[in-house]
């Protein structure tokens, strides 16, 4: 079986360590995941979220226009250094 790949990915740089970045992934089944410590160590469930996933949800729900720079998502949610938006191939 082929490895599942995300539909889209967003990358945020860490506020506490500029050499570290975190990836938010949108999966085909609608799941949104992040690899930051807060998201990874929180128990699985409907309330599993972090600043990074909340920013992506704002964009996906239309609260931040899709054609706005990625910085608009960061400004709306708190992460100050969203570094880029990548679409998964």
PDB file of N, CA and C in Angstrom:
ATOM      1  N   UNK A   1       0.836  -1.173   0.000  1.00  0.00           N
ATOM      2  CA  UNK A   1       0.000   0.000   0.000  1.00  0.00           C
ATOM      3  C   UNK A   1       0.886   1.244   0.000  1.00  0.00           C
ATOM      4  N   UNK A   2       0.508   2.238  -0.810  1.00  0.00           N
ATOM      5  CA  UNK A   2       1.277   3.473  -0.903  1.00  0.00           C
ATOM      6  C   UNK A   2       1.091   4.304   0.365  1.00  0.00           C
ATOM      7  N   UNK A   3       2.140   5.011   0.718  1.00  0.00           N
ATOM      8  CA  UNK A   3       2.083   5.880   1.891  1.00  0.00           C
ATOM      9  C   UNK A   3       1.150   7.052   1.603  1.00  0.00           C
ATOM     10  N   UNK A   4       0.294   7.352   2.565  1.00  0.00           N
ATOM     11  CA  UNK A   4      -0.643   8.467   2.421  1.00  0.00           C
ATOM     12  C   UNK A   4       0.128   9.791   2.406  1.00  0.00           C
ATOM     13  N   UNK A   5      -0.240  10.654   1.500  1.00  0.00           N
ATOM     14  CA  UNK A   5       0.378  11.979   1.448  1.00  0.00           C
ATOM     15  C   UNK A   5      -0.686  13.042   1.698  1.00  0.00           C
ATOM     16  N   UNK A   6      -0.316  14.129   2.348  1.00  0.00           N
ATOM     17  CA  UNK A   6      -1.288  15.184   2.621  1.00  0.00           C
ATOM     18  C   UNK A   6      -1.723  15.895   1.340  1.00  0.00           C
ATOM     19  N   UNK A   7      -2.918  16.454   1.385  1.00  0.00           N
ATOM     20  CA  UNK A   7      -3.436  17.248   0.279  1.00  0.00           C
ATOM     21  C   UNK A   7      -2.686  18.578   0.213  1.00  0.00           C
ATOM     22  N   UNK A   8      -2.479  19.194   1.376  1.00  0.00           N
ATOM     23  CA  UNK A   8      -1.750  20.464   1.483  1.00  0.00           C
ATOM     24  C   UNK A   8      -0.931  20.454   2.761  1.00  0.00           C
ATOM     25  N   UNK A   9       0.123  21.264   2.754  1.00  0.00           N
ATOM     26  CA  UNK A   9       0.956  21.427   3.950  1.00  0.00           C
ATOM     27  C   UNK A   9       1.256  22.916   4.141  1.00  0.00           C
ATOM     28  N   UNK A  10       1.312  23.317   5.398  1.00  0.00           N
ATOM     29  CA  UNK A  10       1.706  24.664   5.779  1.00  0.00           C
ATOM     30  C   UNK A  10       2.879  24.531   6.732  1.00  0.00           C
ATOM     31  N   UNK A  11       3.857  25.416   6.628  1.00  0.00           N
ATOM     32  CA  UNK A  11       5.000  25.353   7.537  1.00  0.00           C
ATOM     33  C   UNK A  11       5.093  26.639   8.349  1.00  0.00           C
ATOM     34  N   UNK A  12       5.268  26.482   9.651  1.00  0.00           N
ATOM     35  CA  UNK A  12       5.419  27.596  10.580  1.00  0.00           C
ATOM     36  C   UNK A  12       6.786  27.490  11.239  1.00  0.00           C
ATOM     37  N   UNK A  13       7.484  28.591  11.390  1.00  0.00           N
ATOM     38  CA  UNK A  13       8.719  28.545  12.162  1.00  0.00           C
ATOM     39  C   UNK A  13       8.377  28.703  13.642  1.00  0.00           C
ATOM     40  N   UNK A  14       9.181  28.104  14.474  1.00  0.00           N
ATOM     41  CA  UNK A  14       8.978  28.140  15.913  1.00  0.00           C
ATOM     42  C   UNK A  14       9.209  29.542  16.449  1.00  0.00           C
ATOM     43  N   UNK A  15       8.385  29.952  17.414  1.00  0.00           N
ATOM     44  CA  UNK A  15       8.589  31.249  18.052  1.00  0.00           C
ATOM     45  C   UNK A  15       9.768  31.204  19.012  1.00  0.00           C
ATOM     46  N   UNK A  16      10.017  30.047  19.614  1.00  0.00           N
ATOM     47  CA  UNK A  16      11.073  29.961  20.613  1.00  0.00           C
ATOM     48  C   UNK A  16      12.426  29.553  20.030  1.00  0.00           C
ATOM     49  N   UNK A  17      12.415  28.918  18.861  1.00  0.00           N
ATOM     50  CA  UNK A  17      13.661  28.469  18.246  1.00  0.00           C
ATOM     51  C   UNK A  17      13.580  28.697  16.736  1.00  0.00           C
ATOM     52  N   UNK A  18      14.195  29.759  16.230  1.00  0.00           N
ATOM     53  CA  UNK A  18      14.083  30.086  14.805  1.00  0.00           C
ATOM     54  C   UNK A  18      14.662  29.025  13.872  1.00  0.00           C
ATOM     55  N   UNK A  19      15.429  28.082  14.409  1.00  0.00           N
ATOM     56  CA  UNK A  19      15.981  27.009  13.575  1.00  0.00           C
ATOM     57  C   UNK A  19      15.021  25.834  13.428  1.00  0.00           C
ATOM     58  N   UNK A  20      13.892  25.876  14.103  1.00  0.00           N
ATOM     59  CA  UNK A  20      12.926  24.782  14.084  1.00  0.00           C
ATOM     60  C   UNK A  20      11.651  25.241  13.374  1.00  0.00           C
ATOM     61  N   UNK A  21      11.032  24.345  12.636  1.00  0.00           N
ATOM     62  CA  UNK A  21       9.744  24.665  12.016  1.00  0.00           C
ATOM     63  C   UNK A  21       8.784  23.501  12.232  1.00  0.00           C
ATOM     64  N   UNK A  22       7.499  23.808  12.133  1.00  0.00           N
ATOM     65  CA  UNK A  22       6.449  22.818  12.335  1.00  0.00           C
ATOM     66  C   UNK A  22       5.580  22.757  11.094  1.00  0.00           C
ATOM     67  N   UNK A  23       5.092  21.564  10.792  1.00  0.00           N
ATOM     68  CA  UNK A  23       4.285  21.354   9.592  1.00  0.00           C
ATOM     69  C   UNK A  23       2.862  20.976   9.966  1.00  0.00           C
ATOM     70  N   UNK A  24       1.914  21.711   9.388  1.00  0.00           N
ATOM     71  CA  UNK A  24       0.502  21.377   9.505  1.00  0.00           C
ATOM     72  C   UNK A  24       0.110  20.709   8.197  1.00  0.00           C
ATOM     73  N   UNK A  25      -0.567  19.570   8.296  1.00  0.00           N
ATOM     74  CA  UNK A  25      -0.967  18.823   7.104  1.00  0.00           C
ATOM     75  C   UNK A  25      -2.476  18.650   7.066  1.00  0.00           C
ATOM     76  N   UNK A  26      -3.041  18.831   5.880  1.00  0.00           N
ATOM     77  CA  UNK A  26      -4.452  18.562   5.622  1.00  0.00           C
ATOM     78  C   UNK A  26      -4.512  17.260   4.842  1.00  0.00           C
ATOM     79  N   UNK A  27      -5.259  16.287   5.376  1.00  0.00           N
ATOM     80  CA  UNK A  27      -5.350  14.955   4.773  1.00  0.00           C
ATOM     81  C   UNK A  27      -6.641  14.809   4.000  1.00  0.00           C
ATOM     82  N   UNK A  28      -6.678  13.868   3.107  1.00  0.00           N
ATOM     83  CA  UNK A  28      -7.849  13.646   2.244  1.00  0.00           C
ATOM     84  C   UNK A  28      -9.144  13.427   3.023  1.00  0.00           C
ATOM     85  N   UNK A  29      -9.061  12.848   4.197  1.00  0.00           N
ATOM     86  CA  UNK A  29     -10.267  12.598   4.995  1.00  0.00           C
ATOM     87  C   UNK A  29     -10.678  13.802   5.846  1.00  0.00           C
ATOM     88  N   UNK A  30      -9.981  14.937   5.682  1.00  0.00           N
ATOM     89  CA  UNK A  30     -10.330  16.155   6.409  1.00  0.00           C
ATOM     90  C   UNK A  30      -9.558  16.371   7.694  1.00  0.00           C
ATOM     91  N   UNK A  31      -8.760  15.388   8.115  1.00  0.00           N
ATOM     92  CA  UNK A  31      -7.953  15.569   9.327  1.00  0.00           C
ATOM     93  C   UNK A  31      -6.934  16.673   9.103  1.00  0.00           C
ATOM     94  N   UNK A  32      -6.662  17.409  10.180  1.00  0.00           N
ATOM     95  CA  UNK A  32      -5.606  18.421  10.177  1.00  0.00           C
ATOM     96  C   UNK A  32      -4.669  18.053  11.312  1.00  0.00           C
ATOM     97  N   UNK A  33      -3.392  17.869  10.983  1.00  0.00           N
ATOM     98  CA  UNK A  33      -2.410  17.453  11.978  1.00  0.00           C
ATOM     99  C   UNK A  33      -1.246  18.441  12.005  1.00  0.00           C
ATOM    100  N   UNK A  34      -0.509  18.424  13.104  1.00  0.00           N
ATOM    101  CA  UNK A  34       0.671  19.267  13.253  1.00  0.00           C
ATOM    102  C   UNK A  34       1.748  18.435  13.941  1.00  0.00           C
ATOM    103  N   UNK A  35       2.995  18.774  13.696  1.00  0.00           N
ATOM    104  CA  UNK A  35       4.069  18.039  14.375  1.00  0.00           C
ATOM    105  C   UNK A  35       4.711  18.859  15.492  1.00  0.00           C
ATOM    106  N   UNK A  36       4.042  19.916  15.967  1.00  0.00           N
ATOM    107  CA  UNK A  36       4.580  20.680  17.092  1.00  0.00           C
ATOM    108  C   UNK A  36       4.340  19.912  18.393  1.00  0.00           C
ATOM    109  N   UNK A  37       5.133  20.191  19.427  1.00  0.00           N
ATOM    110  CA  UNK A  37       4.989  19.451  20.693  1.00  0.00           C
ATOM    111  C   UNK A  37       3.595  19.532  21.304  1.00  0.00           C
ATOM    112  N   UNK A  38       2.962  20.708  21.268  1.00  0.00           N
ATOM    113  CA  UNK A  38       1.637  20.832  21.890  1.00  0.00           C
ATOM    114  C   UNK A  38       0.644  19.881  21.238  1.00  0.00           C
ATOM    115  N   UNK A  39       0.657  19.816  19.906  1.00  0.00           N
ATOM    116  CA  UNK A  39      -0.285  18.938  19.207  1.00  0.00           C
ATOM    117  C   UNK A  39       0.088  17.473  19.413  1.00  0.00           C
ATOM    118  N   UNK A  40       1.359  17.153  19.311  1.00  0.00           N
ATOM    119  CA  UNK A  40       1.799  15.759  19.396  1.00  0.00           C
ATOM    120  C   UNK A  40       1.550  15.127  20.766  1.00  0.00           C
ATOM    121  N   UNK A  41       1.700  15.903  21.829  1.00  0.00           N
ATOM    122  CA  UNK A  41       1.591  15.327  23.163  1.00  0.00           C
ATOM    123  C   UNK A  41       0.204  15.456  23.767  1.00  0.00           C
ATOM    124  N   UNK A  42      -0.714  16.088  23.052  1.00  0.00           N
ATOM    125  CA  UNK A  42      -2.092  16.187  23.538  1.00  0.00           C
ATOM    126  C   UNK A  42      -2.831  14.907  23.158  1.00  0.00           C
ATOM    127  N   UNK A  43      -3.705  14.444  24.013  1.00  0.00           N
ATOM    128  CA  UNK A  43      -4.462  13.230  23.727  1.00  0.00           C
ATOM    129  C   UNK A  43      -5.281  13.393  22.459  1.00  0.00           C
ATOM    130  N   UNK A  44      -5.364  12.329  21.687  1.00  0.00           N
ATOM    131  CA  UNK A  44      -6.146  12.356  20.450  1.00  0.00           C
ATOM    132  C   UNK A  44      -7.609  12.604  20.774  1.00  0.00           C
ATOM    133  N   UNK A  45      -8.269  13.333  19.893  1.00  0.00           N
ATOM    134  CA  UNK A  45      -9.685  13.622  20.074  1.00  0.00           C
ATOM    135  C   UNK A  45     -10.069  14.879  19.325  1.00  0.00           C
ATOM    136  N   UNK A  46     -11.332  15.224  19.411  1.00  0.00           N
ATOM    137  CA  UNK A  46     -11.866  16.354  18.655  1.00  0.00           C
ATOM    138  C   UNK A  46     -11.237  17.680  19.066  1.00  0.00           C
ATOM    139  N   UNK A  47     -10.767  17.790  20.311  1.00  0.00           N
ATOM    140  CA  UNK A  47     -10.212  19.057  20.779  1.00  0.00           C
ATOM    141  C   UNK A  47      -8.702  19.145  20.597  1.00  0.00           C
ATOM    142  N   UNK A  48      -8.114  18.228  19.859  1.00  0.00           N
ATOM    143  CA  UNK A  48      -6.662  18.238  19.635  1.00  0.00           C
ATOM    144  C   UNK A  48      -6.342  19.348  18.645  1.00  0.00           C
ATOM    145  N   UNK A  49      -5.703  20.415  19.143  1.00  0.00           N
ATOM    146  CA  UNK A  49      -5.376  21.558  18.295  1.00  0.00           C
ATOM    147  C   UNK A  49      -4.182  22.305  18.862  1.00  0.00           C
ATOM    148  N   UNK A  50      -3.677  23.230  18.069  1.00  0.00           N
ATOM    149  CA  UNK A  50      -2.581  24.106  18.474  1.00  0.00           C
ATOM    150  C   UNK A  50      -2.747  25.414  17.697  1.00  0.00           C
ATOM    151  N   UNK A  51      -1.891  26.380  17.958  1.00  0.00           N
ATOM    152  CA  UNK A  51      -1.974  27.649  17.226  1.00  0.00           C
ATOM    153  C   UNK A  51      -1.848  27.431  15.724  1.00  0.00           C
ATOM    154  N   UNK A  52      -1.017  26.499  15.338  1.00  0.00           N
ATOM    155  CA  UNK A  52      -0.763  26.270  13.915  1.00  0.00           C
ATOM    156  C   UNK A  52      -1.991  25.682  13.219  1.00  0.00           C
ATOM    157  N   UNK A  53      -2.613  24.670  13.833  1.00  0.00           N
ATOM    158  CA  UNK A  53      -3.809  24.084  13.214  1.00  0.00           C
ATOM    159  C   UNK A  53      -4.965  25.077  13.233  1.00  0.00           C
ATOM    160  N   UNK A  54      -5.055  25.896  14.286  1.00  0.00           N
ATOM    161  CA  UNK A  54      -6.110  26.912  14.330  1.00  0.00           C
ATOM    162  C   UNK A  54      -5.954  27.927  13.205  1.00  0.00           C
ATOM    163  N   UNK A  55      -4.715  28.308  12.898  1.00  0.00           N
ATOM    164  CA  UNK A  55      -4.480  29.246  11.796  1.00  0.00           C
ATOM    165  C   UNK A  55      -4.890  28.674  10.461  1.00  0.00           C
ATOM    166  N   UNK A  56      -4.582  27.415  10.245  1.00  0.00           N
ATOM    167  CA  UNK A  56      -4.976  26.756   8.998  1.00  0.00           C
ATOM    168  C   UNK A  56      -6.494  26.643   8.918  1.00  0.00           C
ATOM    169  N   UNK A  57      -7.143  26.295  10.033  1.00  0.00           N
ATOM    170  CA  UNK A  57      -8.608  26.207  10.034  1.00  0.00           C
ATOM    171  C   UNK A  57      -9.240  27.548   9.708  1.00  0.00           C
ATOM    172  N   UNK A  58      -8.666  28.652  10.213  1.00  0.00           N
ATOM    173  CA  UNK A  58      -9.180  29.978   9.874  1.00  0.00           C
ATOM    174  C   UNK A  58      -9.142  30.199   8.367  1.00  0.00           C
ATOM    175  N   UNK A  59      -8.052  29.832   7.742  1.00  0.00           N
ATOM    176  CA  UNK A  59      -7.951  30.006   6.297  1.00  0.00           C
ATOM    177  C   UNK A  59      -8.947  29.110   5.573  1.00  0.00           C
ATOM    178  N   UNK A  60      -9.024  27.862   5.959  1.00  0.00           N
ATOM    179  CA  UNK A  60      -9.907  26.923   5.281  1.00  0.00           C
ATOM    180  C   UNK A  60     -11.382  27.283   5.453  1.00  0.00           C
ATOM    181  N   UNK A  61     -11.725  27.904   6.574  1.00  0.00           N
ATOM    182  CA  UNK A  61     -13.109  28.309   6.827  1.00  0.00           C
ATOM    183  C   UNK A  61     -13.448  29.658   6.204  1.00  0.00           C
ATOM    184  N   UNK A  62     -12.487  30.259   5.509  1.00  0.00           N
ATOM    185  CA  UNK A  62     -12.751  31.521   4.826  1.00  0.00           C
ATOM    186  C   UNK A  62     -12.582  32.753   5.685  1.00  0.00           C
ATOM    187  N   UNK A  63     -12.089  32.615   6.918  1.00  0.00           N
ATOM    188  CA  UNK A  63     -11.887  33.768   7.783  1.00  0.00           C
ATOM    189  C   UNK A  63     -10.626  34.542   7.431  1.00  0.00           C
ATOM    190  N   UNK A  64      -9.737  33.918   6.694  1.00  0.00           N
ATOM    191  CA  UNK A  64      -8.552  34.570   6.155  1.00  0.00           C
ATOM    192  C   UNK A  64      -8.561  34.240   4.665  1.00  0.00           C
ATOM    193  N   UNK A  65      -8.645  35.241   3.791  1.00  0.00           N
ATOM    194  CA  UNK A  65      -8.734  34.963   2.354  1.00  0.00           C
ATOM    195  C   UNK A  65      -7.575  34.104   1.847  1.00  0.00           C
ATOM    196  N   UNK A  66      -7.890  33.148   0.988  1.00  0.00           N
ATOM    197  CA  UNK A  66      -6.886  32.230   0.460  1.00  0.00           C
ATOM    198  C   UNK A  66      -5.822  32.949  -0.353  1.00  0.00           C
ATOM    199  N   UNK A  67      -6.160  34.079  -0.953  1.00  0.00           N
ATOM    200  CA  UNK A  67      -5.181  34.790  -1.780  1.00  0.00           C
ATOM    201  C   UNK A  67      -4.350  35.791  -0.981  1.00  0.00           C
ATOM    202  N   UNK A  68      -4.574  35.866   0.335  1.00  0.00           N
ATOM    203  CA  UNK A  68      -3.767  36.745   1.178  1.00  0.00           C
ATOM    204  C   UNK A  68      -2.417  36.101   1.428  1.00  0.00           C
ATOM    205  N   UNK A  69      -1.406  36.899   1.712  1.00  0.00           N
ATOM    206  CA  UNK A  69      -0.107  36.314   2.050  1.00  0.00           C
ATOM    207  C   UNK A  69      -0.226  35.425   3.277  1.00  0.00           C
ATOM    208  N   UNK A  70       0.646  34.445   3.342  1.00  0.00           N
ATOM    209  CA  UNK A  70       0.638  33.518   4.476  1.00  0.00           C
ATOM    210  C   UNK A  70       0.743  34.258   5.798  1.00  0.00           C
ATOM    211  N   UNK A  71       1.374  35.411   5.812  1.00  0.00           N
ATOM    212  CA  UNK A  71       1.519  36.179   7.053  1.00  0.00           C
ATOM    213  C   UNK A  71       0.174  36.589   7.627  1.00  0.00           C
ATOM    214  N   UNK A  72      -0.865  36.706   6.788  1.00  0.00           N
ATOM    215  CA  UNK A  72      -2.187  37.080   7.288  1.00  0.00           C
ATOM    216  C   UNK A  72      -2.732  36.004   8.223  1.00  0.00           C
ATOM    217  N   UNK A  73      -2.460  34.753   7.924  1.00  0.00           N
ATOM    218  CA  UNK A  73      -2.903  33.677   8.808  1.00  0.00           C
ATOM    219  C   UNK A  73      -2.178  33.784  10.139  1.00  0.00           C
ATOM    220  N   UNK A  74      -0.888  33.999  10.077  1.00  0.00           N
ATOM    221  CA  UNK A  74      -0.101  34.116  11.299  1.00  0.00           C
ATOM    222  C   UNK A  74      -0.570  35.295  12.137  1.00  0.00           C
ATOM    223  N   UNK A  75      -0.853  36.416  11.496  1.00  0.00           N
ATOM    224  CA  UNK A  75      -1.303  37.596  12.238  1.00  0.00           C
ATOM    225  C   UNK A  75      -2.642  37.341  12.914  1.00  0.00           C
ATOM    226  N   UNK A  76      -3.487  36.549  12.293  1.00  0.00           N
ATOM    227  CA  UNK A  76      -4.810  36.273  12.853  1.00  0.00           C
ATOM    228  C   UNK A  76      -4.768  35.276  14.001  1.00  0.00           C
ATOM    229  N   UNK A  77      -3.710  34.505  14.122  1.00  0.00           N
ATOM    230  CA  UNK A  77      -3.695  33.419  15.094  1.00  0.00           C
ATOM    231  C   UNK A  77      -2.605  33.489  16.141  1.00  0.00           C
ATOM    232  N   UNK A  78      -1.604  34.294  15.933  1.00  0.00           N
ATOM    233  CA  UNK A  78      -0.550  34.373  16.933  1.00  0.00           C
ATOM    234  C   UNK A  78       0.823  33.959  16.466  1.00  0.00           C
ATOM    235  N   UNK A  79       0.984  32.865  15.688  1.00  0.00           N
ATOM    236  CA  UNK A  79       2.340  32.540  15.246  1.00  0.00           C
ATOM    237  C   UNK A  79       2.897  33.691  14.423  1.00  0.00           C
ATOM    238  N   UNK A  80       4.034  34.193  14.798  1.00  0.00           N
ATOM    239  CA  UNK A  80       4.546  35.409  14.173  1.00  0.00           C
ATOM    240  C   UNK A  80       5.416  35.150  12.961  1.00  0.00           C
ATOM    241  N   UNK A  81       5.828  33.920  12.744  1.00  0.00           N
ATOM    242  CA  UNK A  81       6.748  33.682  11.649  1.00  0.00           C
ATOM    243  C   UNK A  81       6.319  32.499  10.788  1.00  0.00           C
ATOM    244  N   UNK A  82       5.114  32.605  10.213  1.00  0.00           N
ATOM    245  CA  UNK A  82       4.747  31.551   9.275  1.00  0.00           C
ATOM    246  C   UNK A  82       5.630  31.736   8.071  1.00  0.00           C
ATOM    247  N   UNK A  83       6.417  30.742   7.724  1.00  0.00           N
ATOM    248  CA  UNK A  83       7.445  30.974   6.729  1.00  0.00           C
ATOM    249  C   UNK A  83       7.047  30.638   5.307  1.00  0.00           C
ATOM    250  N   UNK A  84       6.137  29.703   5.124  1.00  0.00           N
ATOM    251  CA  UNK A  84       5.708  29.439   3.757  1.00  0.00           C
ATOM    252  C   UNK A  84       4.502  28.512   3.753  1.00  0.00           C
ATOM    253  N   UNK A  85       3.848  28.500   2.619  1.00  0.00           N
ATOM    254  CA  UNK A  85       2.721  27.617   2.378  1.00  0.00           C
ATOM    255  C   UNK A  85       3.133  26.700   1.242  1.00  0.00           C
ATOM    256  N   UNK A  86       3.005  25.408   1.454  1.00  0.00           N
ATOM    257  CA  UNK A  86       3.360  24.440   0.413  1.00  0.00           C
ATOM    258  C   UNK A  86       2.148  23.586   0.099  1.00  0.00           C
ATOM    259  N   UNK A  87       1.934  23.325  -1.174  1.00  0.00           N
ATOM    260  CA  UNK A  87       0.927  22.341  -1.555  1.00  0.00           C
ATOM    261  C   UNK A  87       1.660  21.032  -1.788  1.00  0.00           C
ATOM    262  N   UNK A  88       1.112  19.989  -1.196  1.00  0.00           N
ATOM    263  CA  UNK A  88       1.724  18.671  -1.371  1.00  0.00           C
ATOM    264  C   UNK A  88       1.534  18.214  -2.797  1.00  0.00           C
ATOM    265  N   UNK A  89       2.510  17.493  -3.310  1.00  0.00           N
ATOM    266  CA  UNK A  89       2.375  16.988  -4.677  1.00  0.00           C
ATOM    267  C   UNK A  89       1.632  15.673  -4.688  1.00  0.00           C
TER     268      UNK A  89
END
